[in-house]
Amino acid sequence: MRGPVAPPQVPLSTSRADSFRDLVQDSVERLERRWPQLAEVDFVVLEVPETAEETVPLGDAVSAEKGRPARITVYRRPVELRTKSRDERALLVHEIVVEQVAELLGLAPESVDPRYGQE
């Protein structure tokens, strides 16, 4: 008898990319309660940044321009390489999202999320 190891609704069948997107979405939802204007921002997950720089960014923020909404990008592979567990990954993803939102809004990360750096 052959079939899936686990049904689709069981986390076992969730890909690493989907799991990572969920972490970003959880962080965004947490911040949107305090900052409703984030509903107008596109949050994107990309595998790796397109850069030739020596240091690899973990995230990026681009302000809105005519005809294009603001965008915050979180880079999955660099974050995964810097974390060992899902909990560490969730913490780092949230810090990245907070930092990029702060940059976009012109605020300190502690203003965006008072628990920034304390978790």
C-alpha atoms as a PDB file:
ATOM      1  CA  MET A   1       0.000   0.000   0.000  1.00  0.00           C
ATOM      2  CA  ARG A   2       1.462   3.345  -1.039  1.00  0.00           C
ATOM      3  CA  GLY A   3       0.329   6.789  -0.085  1.00  0.00           C
ATOM      4  CA  PRO A   4       1.453   9.941   1.645  1.00  0.00           C
ATOM      5  CA  VAL A   5       3.283   9.559   4.946  1.00  0.00           C
ATOM      6  CA  ALA A   6       0.981  12.162   6.473  1.00  0.00           C
ATOM      7  CA  PRO A   7      -2.209  13.884   5.344  1.00  0.00           C
ATOM      8  CA  PRO A   8      -1.811  17.419   3.914  1.00  0.00           C
ATOM      9  CA  GLN A   9      -3.133  19.134   7.064  1.00  0.00           C
ATOM     10  CA  VAL A  10      -0.393  17.598   9.212  1.00  0.00           C
ATOM     11  CA  PRO A  11       2.717  19.817   9.565  1.00  0.00           C
ATOM     12  CA  LEU A  12       4.934  16.941   8.370  1.00  0.00           C
ATOM     13  CA  SER A  13       3.779  17.635   4.827  1.00  0.00           C
ATOM     14  CA  THR A  14       4.656  21.334   4.993  1.00  0.00           C
ATOM     15  CA  SER A  15       7.738  22.267   2.991  1.00  0.00           C
ATOM     16  CA  ARG A  16      10.546  24.263   4.577  1.00  0.00           C
ATOM     17  CA  ALA A  17       9.701  27.176   2.289  1.00  0.00           C
ATOM     18  CA  ASP A  18       6.027  27.085   3.352  1.00  0.00           C
ATOM     19  CA  SER A  19       7.005  26.825   7.009  1.00  0.00           C
ATOM     20  CA  PHE A  20       9.300  29.833   6.617  1.00  0.00           C
ATOM     21  CA  ARG A  21       6.544  31.863   4.908  1.00  0.00           C
ATOM     22  CA  ASP A  22       4.297  31.007   7.857  1.00  0.00           C
ATOM     23  CA  LEU A  23       6.887  32.435  10.272  1.00  0.00           C
ATOM     24  CA  VAL A  24       7.019  35.675   8.285  1.00  0.00           C
ATOM     25  CA  GLN A  25       3.214  35.838   8.117  1.00  0.00           C
ATOM     26  CA  ASP A  26       2.910  35.257  11.883  1.00  0.00           C
ATOM     27  CA  SER A  27       5.327  38.117  12.520  1.00  0.00           C
ATOM     28  CA  VAL A  28       3.493  40.435  10.123  1.00  0.00           C
ATOM     29  CA  GLU A  29       0.106  39.645  11.687  1.00  0.00           C
ATOM     30  CA  ARG A  30       1.542  40.355  15.130  1.00  0.00           C
ATOM     31  CA  LEU A  31       2.748  43.788  13.980  1.00  0.00           C
ATOM     32  CA  GLU A  32      -0.368  44.660  11.935  1.00  0.00           C
ATOM     33  CA  ARG A  33      -2.423  44.792  15.140  1.00  0.00           C
ATOM     34  CA  ARG A  34      -0.282  47.725  16.270  1.00  0.00           C
ATOM     35  CA  TRP A  35       0.472  49.170  12.812  1.00  0.00           C
ATOM     36  CA  PRO A  36      -2.602  48.765  10.548  1.00  0.00           C
ATOM     37  CA  GLN A  37      -0.844  50.628   7.707  1.00  0.00           C
ATOM     38  CA  LEU A  38       1.263  47.503   7.192  1.00  0.00           C
ATOM     39  CA  ALA A  39      -1.719  46.021   5.357  1.00  0.00           C
ATOM     40  CA  GLU A  40      -0.591  48.205   2.429  1.00  0.00           C
ATOM     41  CA  VAL A  41       2.946  46.730   2.422  1.00  0.00           C
ATOM     42  CA  ASP A  42       3.905  43.682   0.365  1.00  0.00           C
ATOM     43  CA  PHE A  43       5.845  41.126   2.419  1.00  0.00           C
ATOM     44  CA  VAL A  44       7.906  38.811   0.238  1.00  0.00           C
ATOM     45  CA  VAL A  45      10.100  35.787   0.929  1.00  0.00           C
ATOM     46  CA  LEU A  46      12.938  35.123  -1.508  1.00  0.00           C
ATOM     47  CA  GLU A  47      15.476  32.314  -1.356  1.00  0.00           C
ATOM     48  CA  VAL A  48      18.606  34.480  -1.510  1.00  0.00           C
ATOM     49  CA  PRO A  49      19.407  38.136  -2.162  1.00  0.00           C
ATOM     50  CA  GLU A  50      20.760  39.164  -5.530  1.00  0.00           C
ATOM     51  CA  THR A  51      23.932  40.802  -4.293  1.00  0.00           C
ATOM     52  CA  ALA A  52      27.635  40.710  -4.877  1.00  0.00           C
ATOM     53  CA  GLU A  53      28.373  42.321  -1.512  1.00  0.00           C
ATOM     54  CA  GLU A  54      30.636  40.734   1.061  1.00  0.00           C
ATOM     55  CA  THR A  55      27.918  40.648   3.734  1.00  0.00           C
ATOM     56  CA  VAL A  56      24.668  38.903   2.925  1.00  0.00           C
ATOM     57  CA  PRO A  57      21.520  40.784   3.984  1.00  0.00           C
ATOM     58  CA  LEU A  58      18.759  38.938   5.812  1.00  0.00           C
ATOM     59  CA  GLY A  59      16.050  41.365   4.749  1.00  0.00           C
ATOM     60  CA  ASP A  60      15.346  44.481   2.727  1.00  0.00           C
ATOM     61  CA  ALA A  61      12.813  47.320   2.702  1.00  0.00           C
ATOM     62  CA  VAL A  62      11.817  49.359  -0.343  1.00  0.00           C
ATOM     63  CA  SER A  63       9.586  52.415  -0.004  1.00  0.00           C
ATOM     64  CA  ALA A  64       6.433  52.800  -2.034  1.00  0.00           C
ATOM     65  CA  GLU A  65       6.700  54.540  -5.378  1.00  0.00           C
ATOM     66  CA  LYS A  66       4.095  55.662  -7.850  1.00  0.00           C
ATOM     67  CA  GLY A  67       2.116  52.584  -8.856  1.00  0.00           C
ATOM     68  CA  ARG A  68       4.056  50.233  -6.574  1.00  0.00           C
ATOM     69  CA  PRO A  69       3.444  49.544  -2.869  1.00  0.00           C
ATOM     70  CA  ALA A  70       6.199  49.416  -0.277  1.00  0.00           C
ATOM     71  CA  ARG A  71       7.851  46.019  -0.036  1.00  0.00           C
ATOM     72  CA  ILE A  72       9.690  44.159   2.688  1.00  0.00           C
ATOM     73  CA  THR A  73      11.693  41.097   1.714  1.00  0.00           C
ATOM     74  CA  VAL A  74      13.033  38.378   4.003  1.00  0.00           C
ATOM     75  CA  TYR A  75      15.698  36.063   2.561  1.00  0.00           C
ATOM     76  CA  ARG A  76      15.041  32.464   3.576  1.00  0.00           C
ATOM     77  CA  ARG A  77      18.348  30.651   2.996  1.00  0.00           C
ATOM     78  CA  PRO A  78      20.596  33.143   4.867  1.00  0.00           C
ATOM     79  CA  VAL A  79      18.194  33.042   7.829  1.00  0.00           C
ATOM     80  CA  GLU A  80      18.057  29.243   7.819  1.00  0.00           C
ATOM     81  CA  LEU A  81      21.858  29.046   7.746  1.00  0.00           C
ATOM     82  CA  ARG A  82      22.076  31.231  10.860  1.00  0.00           C
ATOM     83  CA  THR A  83      19.564  29.305  12.969  1.00  0.00           C
ATOM     84  CA  LYS A  84      19.478  25.783  14.378  1.00  0.00           C
ATOM     85  CA  SER A  85      15.861  25.372  15.444  1.00  0.00           C
ATOM     86  CA  ARG A  86      12.396  26.537  14.475  1.00  0.00           C
ATOM     87  CA  ASP A  87      12.234  28.679  17.633  1.00  0.00           C
ATOM     88  CA  GLU A  88      15.525  30.421  16.786  1.00  0.00           C
ATOM     89  CA  ARG A  89      14.294  30.913  13.229  1.00  0.00           C
ATOM     90  CA  ALA A  90      10.997  32.411  14.415  1.00  0.00           C
ATOM     91  CA  LEU A  91      12.867  34.851  16.666  1.00  0.00           C
ATOM     92  CA  LEU A  92      15.282  35.908  13.930  1.00  0.00           C
ATOM     93  CA  VAL A  93      12.499  36.283  11.352  1.00  0.00           C
ATOM     94  CA  HIS A  94      10.555  38.519  13.733  1.00  0.00           C
ATOM     95  CA  GLU A  95      13.633  40.656  14.421  1.00  0.00           C
ATOM     96  CA  ILE A  96      14.234  41.037  10.683  1.00  0.00           C
ATOM     97  CA  VAL A  97      10.611  41.991  10.013  1.00  0.00           C
ATOM     98  CA  VAL A  98      10.638  44.505  12.901  1.00  0.00           C
ATOM     99  CA  GLU A  99      13.908  46.062  11.688  1.00  0.00           C
ATOM    100  CA  GLN A 100      12.658  46.388   8.107  1.00  0.00           C
ATOM    101  CA  VAL A 101       9.300  47.832   9.210  1.00  0.00           C
ATOM    102  CA  ALA A 102      11.179  50.307  11.414  1.00  0.00           C
ATOM    103  CA  GLU A 103      13.335  51.340   8.469  1.00  0.00           C
ATOM    104  CA  LEU A 104      10.286  51.741   6.250  1.00  0.00           C
ATOM    105  CA  LEU A 105       8.417  53.820   8.857  1.00  0.00           C
ATOM    106  CA  GLY A 106      11.484  55.811   9.938  1.00  0.00           C
ATOM    107  CA  LEU A 107      11.223  54.596  13.534  1.00  0.00           C
ATOM    108  CA  ALA A 108      13.400  52.745  16.019  1.00  0.00           C
ATOM    109  CA  PRO A 109      12.770  48.978  16.144  1.00  0.00           C
ATOM    110  CA  GLU A 110      11.756  49.335  19.830  1.00  0.00           C
ATOM    111  CA  SER A 111       8.984  51.713  18.728  1.00  0.00           C
ATOM    112  CA  VAL A 112       7.663  49.205  16.214  1.00  0.00           C
ATOM    113  CA  ASP A 113       7.680  46.350  18.743  1.00  0.00           C
ATOM    114  CA  PRO A 114       8.438  47.222  22.384  1.00  0.00           C
ATOM    115  CA  ARG A 115       9.573  43.604  22.954  1.00  0.00           C
ATOM    116  CA  TYR A 116      12.244  43.904  20.231  1.00  0.00           C
ATOM    117  CA  GLY A 117      15.533  42.441  21.419  1.00  0.00           C
ATOM    118  CA  GLN A 118      14.011  41.126  24.667  1.00  0.00           C
ATOM    119  CA  GLU A 119      12.810  37.763  23.463  1.00  0.00           C
END
